[in-house]
Amino acid sequence: MSKEQSTSRDKTIAKTSIIGIFTNLLLVGFKAAVGIISNSIAVILDALNNLSDALSSLITMIGNFLAGRKPDKKHPLGHGRVEYLSAMIVAALVIYAGITAAVESVKKIITPETPDYSTVSLVIIGVAVLVKIALGLYFRTVGKKVNSSALTASGVDALFDAVLSASVLASAIVFVLTGTSLEAYVGALISLFIIKAGISMLIETLDDIVGHRADRELVDAIKRTVCEEECVHGAYDLIIHSYGPEKLVASIHVEIPDYMTADEIDDMERRIAAKVYERHKVIMTGIGIYSFNTKNDEIKSLKSRVISLIATHDSVLQVHGFHLNQDTMTVNVDIILDFATPDMRAEIESIKNELSTVFPKYNFNIVMDLDA
């Protein structure tokens, strides 16, 4: 991402967060007044929920500011992962708001109080529902546009708040028409949905922090770009690391013919790194080399037979990186096993023993790669 793009993204997140803070504070004031005047626990809890939303927007803005700091000696790849932490805090606030609403609703179920709604109260709650829907859609749209998990999480939270406010409005209308108070029960039910949404947001953010499988479309696109080089006969072992939503670094192995010189390989690596960054905004930190034989027919035959034998194992997803060191008679080969394999190490040993039996004059060094 260019400096101009990064600055624009930061400004967009800050602007959106400020709009969220201001809007939620207005809703807090109106709802708190309505809740106190009408003696409605549901409306008061809704106001507190909006207060937590304002805090969420503030946390998002602070998190984005910290994530945008320049790289330093301790953090040479920048501070982008701070955004994941801010998203996790927002998710925790959503869970807390849901638990608080559940506790207070249960209390009101046990010791009910009769609310007293006016027409003005109902209008204010209705307007609040529309405002929260608009705010939620706005946050979610901007969050996806600038790839901000914290903003997206805030958008989801705001939409759930709109559902909560709509439920409060519905229970208020039912009370006005029939005299039956349902708000405590409605609050308890909606609080469960809020807690579930918060937990889902938390799990998603933890996945970003722990590290999850890279997007398959991006992986395939990068490999296609790498294989555009005429000398590259295969691209393998692509590993992508995230240092923030807009900071991806990667490494890859490429298979090239054994006659290429160091100068030619150097030029190839630089071209690959430049094209991958230009097209996919991914920084290539390392390009490893697999050499394949182009001169010896006996080695070609051995390669075909070894790969065919390994491929007979159902647990094997891919075989690549074949290379024979004729001085030590050592065959090096990389394989990818299915994650469902019960014991990967035992499977590797089994394959190795089978190869040694069929090809006794060779030593086999098998490297297990990950299907990342």
Protein backbone atom coordinates (compact mmCIF):
# COMPACT_ATOMS: atom_id res chain seq x y z
CA MET A 1 0.00 0.00 0.00
CA SER A 2 1.37 3.44 -0.95
CA LYS A 3 1.81 6.23 1.58
CA GLU A 4 -1.07 8.14 -0.04
CA GLN A 5 -3.40 5.12 0.17
CA SER A 6 -2.45 4.50 3.79
CA THR A 7 -3.11 8.13 4.72
CA SER A 8 -6.49 8.05 2.95
CA ARG A 9 -7.43 4.82 4.77
CA ASP A 10 -6.48 6.28 8.16
CA LYS A 11 -8.52 9.42 7.50
CA THR A 12 -11.54 7.37 6.41
CA ILE A 13 -11.44 5.23 9.57
CA ALA A 14 -10.98 8.30 11.79
CA LYS A 15 -13.86 10.15 10.09
CA THR A 16 -16.17 7.13 10.36
CA SER A 17 -15.27 6.59 14.02
CA ILE A 18 -15.94 10.25 14.90
CA ILE A 19 -19.37 10.04 13.20
CA GLY A 20 -20.08 6.91 15.24
CA ILE A 21 -19.03 8.52 18.53
CA PHE A 22 -21.12 11.66 17.93
CA THR A 23 -24.21 9.73 16.78
CA ASN A 24 -24.10 7.25 19.64
CA LEU A 25 -23.66 9.97 22.25
CA LEU A 26 -26.77 11.72 20.92
CA LEU A 27 -28.69 8.44 21.13
CA VAL A 28 -27.42 7.88 24.68
CA GLY A 29 -28.84 11.26 25.78
CA PHE A 30 -32.24 10.78 24.15
CA LYS A 31 -32.68 7.14 25.22
CA ALA A 32 -31.51 7.75 28.78
CA ALA A 33 -34.04 10.57 29.14
CA VAL A 34 -36.84 8.42 27.70
CA GLY A 35 -35.89 5.45 29.89
CA ILE A 36 -35.83 7.47 33.09
CA ILE A 37 -39.09 9.32 32.34
CA SER A 38 -40.97 6.15 31.27
CA ASN A 39 -39.40 3.92 33.96
CA SER A 40 -38.29 1.46 31.22
CA ILE A 41 -35.35 -0.82 32.01
CA ALA A 42 -35.17 -1.89 28.36
CA VAL A 43 -34.72 1.68 27.11
CA ILE A 44 -32.13 2.46 29.81
CA LEU A 45 -30.14 -0.67 28.88
CA ASP A 46 -30.41 0.34 25.24
CA ALA A 47 -28.90 3.72 26.15
CA LEU A 48 -26.02 2.02 27.99
CA ASN A 49 -25.48 -0.19 24.97
CA ASN A 50 -25.14 2.92 22.79
CA LEU A 51 -22.62 4.28 25.28
CA SER A 52 -20.54 1.12 24.78
CA ASP A 53 -20.85 1.67 21.01
CA ALA A 54 -19.40 5.17 21.37
CA LEU A 55 -16.55 3.66 23.36
CA SER A 56 -16.08 1.03 20.62
CA SER A 57 -15.74 3.75 17.98
CA LEU A 58 -13.21 5.56 20.17
CA ILE A 59 -11.21 2.34 20.58
CA THR A 60 -11.33 1.75 16.82
CA MET A 61 -9.98 5.25 16.17
CA ILE A 62 -7.20 4.90 18.75
CA GLY A 63 -6.33 1.42 17.45
CA ASN A 64 -6.07 2.71 13.90
CA PHE A 65 -3.86 5.60 15.05
CA LEU A 66 -1.50 3.23 16.87
CA ALA A 67 -1.48 0.77 13.95
CA GLY A 68 -0.48 3.57 11.59
CA ARG A 69 2.72 4.44 13.42
CA LYS A 70 5.92 4.13 11.41
CA PRO A 71 8.08 1.00 11.73
CA ASP A 72 10.78 1.25 14.38
CA LYS A 73 13.73 -0.80 15.65
CA LYS A 74 11.52 -3.07 17.77
CA HIS A 75 8.75 -3.36 15.17
CA PRO A 76 10.43 -3.30 11.73
CA LEU A 77 7.25 -4.41 9.95
CA GLY A 78 5.10 -1.73 11.55
CA HIS A 79 2.27 -1.85 14.09
CA GLY A 80 -0.60 -3.02 11.87
CA ARG A 81 -1.59 -5.90 14.17
CA VAL A 82 -2.76 -3.36 16.75
CA GLU A 83 -5.95 -3.17 14.67
CA TYR A 84 -6.65 -6.81 15.51
CA LEU A 85 -6.32 -6.00 19.20
CA SER A 86 -8.74 -3.07 18.93
CA ALA A 87 -11.24 -5.31 17.11
CA MET A 88 -10.89 -7.85 19.93
CA ILE A 89 -11.63 -5.15 22.52
CA VAL A 90 -14.73 -4.09 20.56
CA ALA A 91 -15.89 -7.72 20.49
CA ALA A 92 -15.32 -7.98 24.26
CA LEU A 93 -17.44 -4.84 24.77
CA VAL A 94 -20.24 -6.36 22.70
CA ILE A 95 -20.16 -9.50 24.86
CA TYR A 96 -20.13 -7.39 28.03
CA ALA A 97 -23.11 -5.34 26.80
CA GLY A 98 -24.99 -8.54 26.02
CA ILE A 99 -24.27 -10.08 29.43
CA THR A 100 -25.26 -6.84 31.20
CA ALA A 101 -28.53 -6.69 29.28
CA ALA A 102 -29.25 -10.34 30.10
CA VAL A 103 -28.63 -9.86 33.83
CA GLU A 104 -30.77 -6.74 34.09
CA SER A 105 -33.56 -8.30 32.02
CA VAL A 106 -33.67 -11.37 34.27
CA LYS A 107 -33.85 -9.09 37.32
CA LYS A 108 -36.87 -7.32 35.82
CA ILE A 109 -38.51 -10.64 35.03
CA ILE A 110 -38.18 -11.59 38.71
CA THR A 111 -39.23 -8.16 40.03
CA PRO A 112 -41.22 -6.47 37.24
CA GLU A 113 -41.89 -2.74 37.08
CA THR A 114 -44.65 -1.12 35.05
CA PRO A 115 -43.34 1.24 32.36
CA ASP A 116 -45.16 4.37 31.20
CA TYR A 117 -44.60 5.23 27.53
CA SER A 118 -45.66 8.46 25.88
CA THR A 119 -46.08 9.11 22.18
CA VAL A 120 -42.87 11.16 22.17
CA SER A 121 -41.00 8.23 23.75
CA LEU A 122 -42.17 5.86 21.04
CA VAL A 123 -41.21 8.30 18.28
CA ILE A 124 -37.72 8.76 19.74
CA ILE A 125 -37.19 4.99 19.99
CA GLY A 126 -38.43 4.56 16.40
CA VAL A 127 -36.05 7.22 15.09
CA ALA A 128 -33.22 5.57 17.05
CA VAL A 129 -33.89 2.28 15.26
CA LEU A 130 -33.56 3.94 11.86
CA VAL A 131 -30.41 5.80 12.92
CA LYS A 132 -28.75 2.58 14.18
CA ILE A 133 -29.61 0.73 10.97
CA ALA A 134 -28.10 3.53 8.88
CA LEU A 135 -25.03 3.71 11.14
CA GLY A 136 -24.54 -0.07 11.08
CA LEU A 137 -24.72 -0.28 7.28
CA TYR A 138 -22.38 2.72 6.98
CA PHE A 139 -19.80 1.20 9.36
CA ARG A 140 -19.96 -2.20 7.68
CA THR A 141 -19.64 -0.77 4.17
CA VAL A 142 -16.69 1.47 5.06
CA GLY A 143 -15.08 -1.32 7.12
CA LYS A 144 -15.11 -3.71 4.16
CA LYS A 145 -13.97 -0.96 1.78
CA VAL A 146 -10.86 -0.10 3.83
CA ASN A 147 -10.39 -3.66 5.18
CA SER A 148 -10.85 -2.68 8.84
CA SER A 149 -12.04 -5.56 11.02
CA ALA A 150 -12.69 -3.16 13.92
CA LEU A 151 -15.02 -0.97 11.83
CA THR A 152 -16.78 -4.02 10.40
CA ALA A 153 -17.27 -5.38 13.92
CA SER A 154 -18.72 -2.04 15.03
CA GLY A 155 -21.10 -2.16 12.06
CA VAL A 156 -22.35 -5.60 13.01
CA ASP A 157 -22.78 -4.42 16.60
CA ALA A 158 -24.79 -1.39 15.47
CA LEU A 159 -27.13 -3.56 13.38
CA PHE A 160 -27.76 -5.81 16.38
CA ASP A 161 -28.44 -2.70 18.42
CA ALA A 162 -31.06 -1.70 15.84
CA VAL A 163 -32.72 -5.10 16.31
CA LEU A 164 -32.62 -4.60 20.08
CA SER A 165 -34.14 -1.11 19.80
CA ALA A 166 -36.79 -2.42 17.42
CA SER A 167 -37.69 -5.12 19.95
CA VAL A 168 -37.94 -2.50 22.69
CA LEU A 169 -40.22 -0.43 20.44
CA ALA A 170 -42.38 -3.47 19.65
CA SER A 171 -42.74 -4.39 23.31
CA ALA A 172 -43.62 -0.76 24.13
CA ILE A 173 -46.35 -0.73 21.47
CA VAL A 174 -47.72 -4.03 22.79
CA PHE A 175 -47.81 -2.56 26.30
CA VAL A 176 -49.60 0.60 25.14
CA LEU A 177 -52.21 -1.42 23.23
CA THR A 178 -52.75 -4.34 25.62
CA GLY A 179 -51.19 -3.38 28.96
CA THR A 180 -48.94 -6.47 28.80
CA SER A 181 -45.28 -5.76 29.58
CA LEU A 182 -42.91 -7.93 27.50
CA GLU A 183 -39.81 -5.74 27.54
CA ALA A 184 -37.89 -7.77 30.12
CA TYR A 185 -38.44 -11.00 28.18
CA VAL A 186 -37.59 -9.33 24.90
CA GLY A 187 -34.43 -7.86 26.43
CA ALA A 188 -33.36 -11.29 27.69
CA LEU A 189 -33.89 -12.89 24.28
CA ILE A 190 -32.07 -10.18 22.33
CA SER A 191 -29.17 -10.18 24.81
CA LEU A 192 -28.46 -13.80 23.83
CA PHE A 193 -28.15 -12.78 20.17
CA ILE A 194 -25.81 -9.93 21.13
CA ILE A 195 -23.59 -12.28 23.14
CA LYS A 196 -23.49 -14.75 20.23
CA ALA A 197 -22.52 -11.97 17.80
CA GLY A 198 -19.77 -10.78 20.15
CA ILE A 199 -18.35 -14.29 20.50
CA SER A 200 -18.33 -14.73 16.70
CA MET A 201 -16.51 -11.41 16.29
CA LEU A 202 -14.00 -12.41 18.97
CA ILE A 203 -13.29 -15.78 17.35
CA GLU A 204 -12.80 -14.16 13.94
CA THR A 205 -10.32 -11.64 15.38
CA LEU A 206 -8.45 -14.33 17.31
CA ASP A 207 -8.12 -16.25 14.03
CA ASP A 208 -6.41 -13.19 12.53
CA ILE A 209 -4.02 -12.98 15.49
CA VAL A 210 -3.25 -16.70 15.70
CA GLY A 211 -2.91 -17.01 11.92
CA HIS A 212 -5.26 -18.76 9.52
CA ARG A 213 -5.17 -20.14 6.01
CA ALA A 214 -4.58 -17.43 3.43
CA ASP A 215 -7.36 -16.56 1.02
CA ARG A 216 -7.33 -19.25 -1.70
CA GLU A 217 -8.04 -16.77 -4.50
CA LEU A 218 -5.05 -14.65 -3.46
CA VAL A 219 -2.79 -17.72 -3.19
CA ASP A 220 -3.77 -18.95 -6.66
CA ALA A 221 -3.42 -15.47 -8.15
CA ILE A 222 0.10 -15.02 -6.75
CA LYS A 223 1.17 -18.45 -8.02
CA ARG A 224 -0.17 -17.61 -11.49
CA THR A 225 1.80 -14.36 -11.46
CA VAL A 226 4.99 -16.17 -10.43
CA CYS A 227 4.53 -18.85 -13.10
CA GLU A 228 4.32 -16.20 -15.82
CA GLU A 229 8.12 -16.22 -15.75
CA GLU A 230 9.18 -18.39 -18.66
CA CYS A 231 11.85 -20.17 -16.63
CA VAL A 232 9.51 -21.06 -13.73
CA HIS A 233 8.05 -24.56 -14.08
CA GLY A 234 6.14 -24.56 -10.78
CA ALA A 235 5.44 -22.46 -7.69
CA TYR A 236 5.13 -24.14 -4.28
CA ASP A 237 5.16 -23.58 -0.51
CA LEU A 238 3.62 -20.10 -0.63
CA ILE A 239 3.38 -18.85 2.94
CA ILE A 240 1.65 -15.50 3.63
CA HIS A 241 2.02 -13.66 6.93
CA SER A 242 -0.22 -10.79 7.98
CA TYR A 243 1.22 -7.85 9.93
CA GLY A 244 -2.06 -5.95 9.76
CA PRO A 245 -5.01 -5.78 7.34
CA GLU A 246 -2.91 -3.99 4.71
CA LYS A 247 0.54 -5.49 5.42
CA LEU A 248 1.14 -8.92 3.89
CA VAL A 249 4.56 -10.53 3.46
CA ALA A 250 5.21 -13.86 1.81
CA SER A 251 7.77 -16.46 0.78
CA ILE A 252 7.64 -19.05 -2.00
CA HIS A 253 9.64 -21.79 -3.73
CA VAL A 254 9.97 -21.86 -7.51
CA GLU A 255 11.11 -24.75 -9.69
CA ILE A 256 13.63 -23.71 -12.34
CA PRO A 257 15.95 -25.57 -14.75
CA ASP A 258 19.40 -26.58 -13.52
CA TYR A 259 21.27 -24.62 -16.18
CA MET A 260 20.33 -21.15 -14.92
CA THR A 261 23.17 -18.96 -13.65
CA ALA A 262 23.21 -16.95 -10.42
CA ASP A 263 22.80 -13.74 -12.42
CA GLU A 264 19.74 -15.11 -14.22
CA ILE A 265 18.20 -16.30 -10.95
CA ASP A 266 18.82 -12.91 -9.35
CA ASP A 267 17.09 -11.09 -12.21
CA MET A 268 14.18 -13.55 -12.07
CA GLU A 269 13.67 -13.09 -8.33
CA ARG A 270 13.62 -9.30 -8.63
CA ARG A 271 11.07 -9.42 -11.47
CA ILE A 272 8.84 -11.80 -9.49
CA ALA A 273 8.97 -9.66 -6.33
CA ALA A 274 8.15 -6.49 -8.29
CA LYS A 275 5.20 -8.05 -10.17
CA VAL A 276 3.69 -9.69 -7.06
CA TYR A 277 3.77 -6.40 -5.15
CA GLU A 278 2.43 -4.37 -8.07
CA ARG A 279 -0.51 -6.72 -8.70
CA HIS A 280 -1.30 -8.12 -5.25
CA LYS A 281 0.32 -5.67 -2.77
CA VAL A 282 2.17 -8.58 -1.13
CA ILE A 283 5.83 -8.16 -0.19
CA MET A 284 7.97 -11.14 -1.25
CA THR A 285 10.56 -11.57 1.50
CA GLY A 286 12.06 -14.77 0.16
CA ILE A 287 12.08 -16.85 -3.03
CA GLY A 288 13.56 -20.32 -2.61
CA ILE A 289 14.82 -22.47 -5.45
CA TYR A 290 14.03 -26.01 -6.55
CA SER A 291 16.30 -27.19 -9.35
CA PHE A 292 15.02 -29.77 -11.83
CA ASN A 293 17.18 -31.90 -14.06
CA THR A 294 17.20 -31.19 -17.80
CA LYS A 295 20.25 -33.23 -18.96
CA ASN A 296 20.15 -36.76 -17.54
CA ASP A 297 17.44 -39.11 -18.82
CA GLU A 298 18.14 -41.61 -16.02
CA ILE A 299 17.38 -38.97 -13.39
CA LYS A 300 14.20 -37.99 -15.24
CA SER A 301 13.06 -41.61 -15.18
CA LEU A 302 13.89 -41.95 -11.48
CA LYS A 303 11.94 -38.77 -10.72
CA SER A 304 8.86 -40.03 -12.52
CA ARG A 305 8.97 -43.41 -10.74
CA VAL A 306 9.55 -41.93 -7.27
CA ILE A 307 6.73 -39.38 -7.62
CA SER A 308 4.36 -42.04 -8.97
CA LEU A 309 5.09 -44.33 -6.01
CA ILE A 310 4.58 -41.58 -3.44
CA ALA A 311 1.34 -40.48 -5.12
CA THR A 312 -0.19 -43.93 -4.52
CA HIS A 313 -0.61 -42.99 -0.85
CA ASP A 314 -4.08 -41.54 -0.26
CA SER A 315 -2.75 -39.13 2.39
CA VAL A 316 -0.44 -37.39 -0.13
CA LEU A 317 -1.88 -34.21 -1.66
CA GLN A 318 1.18 -33.08 -3.62
CA VAL A 319 4.76 -34.10 -4.46
CA HIS A 320 7.34 -31.54 -5.61
CA GLY A 321 10.92 -30.37 -5.24
CA PHE A 322 12.56 -33.58 -6.50
CA HIS A 323 16.36 -33.35 -6.63
CA LEU A 324 19.10 -35.98 -6.80
CA ASN A 325 22.55 -35.33 -5.36
CA GLN A 326 24.64 -37.76 -7.42
CA ASP A 327 27.69 -37.42 -5.18
CA THR A 328 25.86 -38.74 -2.09
CA MET A 329 23.09 -40.60 -4.00
CA THR A 330 20.56 -38.69 -1.92
CA VAL A 331 17.08 -37.98 -3.25
CA ASN A 332 15.41 -34.89 -1.81
CA VAL A 333 11.67 -34.55 -2.25
CA ASP A 334 8.91 -32.47 -0.60
CA ILE A 335 5.42 -33.78 0.00
CA ILE A 336 2.20 -32.27 1.33
CA LEU A 337 0.01 -34.52 3.48
CA ASP A 338 -3.68 -34.20 4.19
CA PHE A 339 -4.31 -32.62 7.61
CA ALA A 340 -6.68 -35.52 8.28
CA THR A 341 -3.73 -37.95 8.35
CA PRO A 342 -3.77 -39.48 11.88
CA ASP A 343 0.02 -39.62 12.33
CA MET A 344 1.96 -37.56 9.78
CA ARG A 345 5.40 -38.56 11.04
CA ALA A 346 4.53 -42.25 10.85
CA GLU A 347 3.19 -41.74 7.32
CA ILE A 348 6.44 -40.05 6.26
CA GLU A 349 8.47 -42.93 7.70
CA SER A 350 6.25 -45.44 5.91
CA ILE A 351 6.76 -43.69 2.57
CA LYS A 352 10.49 -43.40 3.18
CA ASN A 353 10.82 -47.10 4.00
CA GLU A 354 8.85 -48.05 0.92
CA LEU A 355 11.08 -45.91 -1.29
CA SER A 356 14.23 -47.37 0.26
CA THR A 357 12.95 -50.87 -0.44
CA VAL A 358 12.10 -50.17 -4.10
CA PHE A 359 15.21 -48.02 -4.74
CA PRO A 360 17.88 -49.48 -2.38
CA LYS A 361 20.87 -47.65 -3.90
CA TYR A 362 19.48 -44.22 -2.94
CA ASN A 363 19.11 -42.34 0.34
CA PHE A 364 15.81 -40.49 0.72
CA ASN A 365 15.33 -37.18 2.47
CA ILE A 366 11.63 -36.34 2.65
CA VAL A 367 10.52 -32.88 3.75
CA MET A 368 6.91 -32.49 4.90
CA ASP A 369 5.40 -29.21 3.72
CA LEU A 370 2.15 -27.66 4.89
CA ASP A 371 -0.90 -27.17 2.74
CA ALA A 372 -1.07 -23.50 3.80
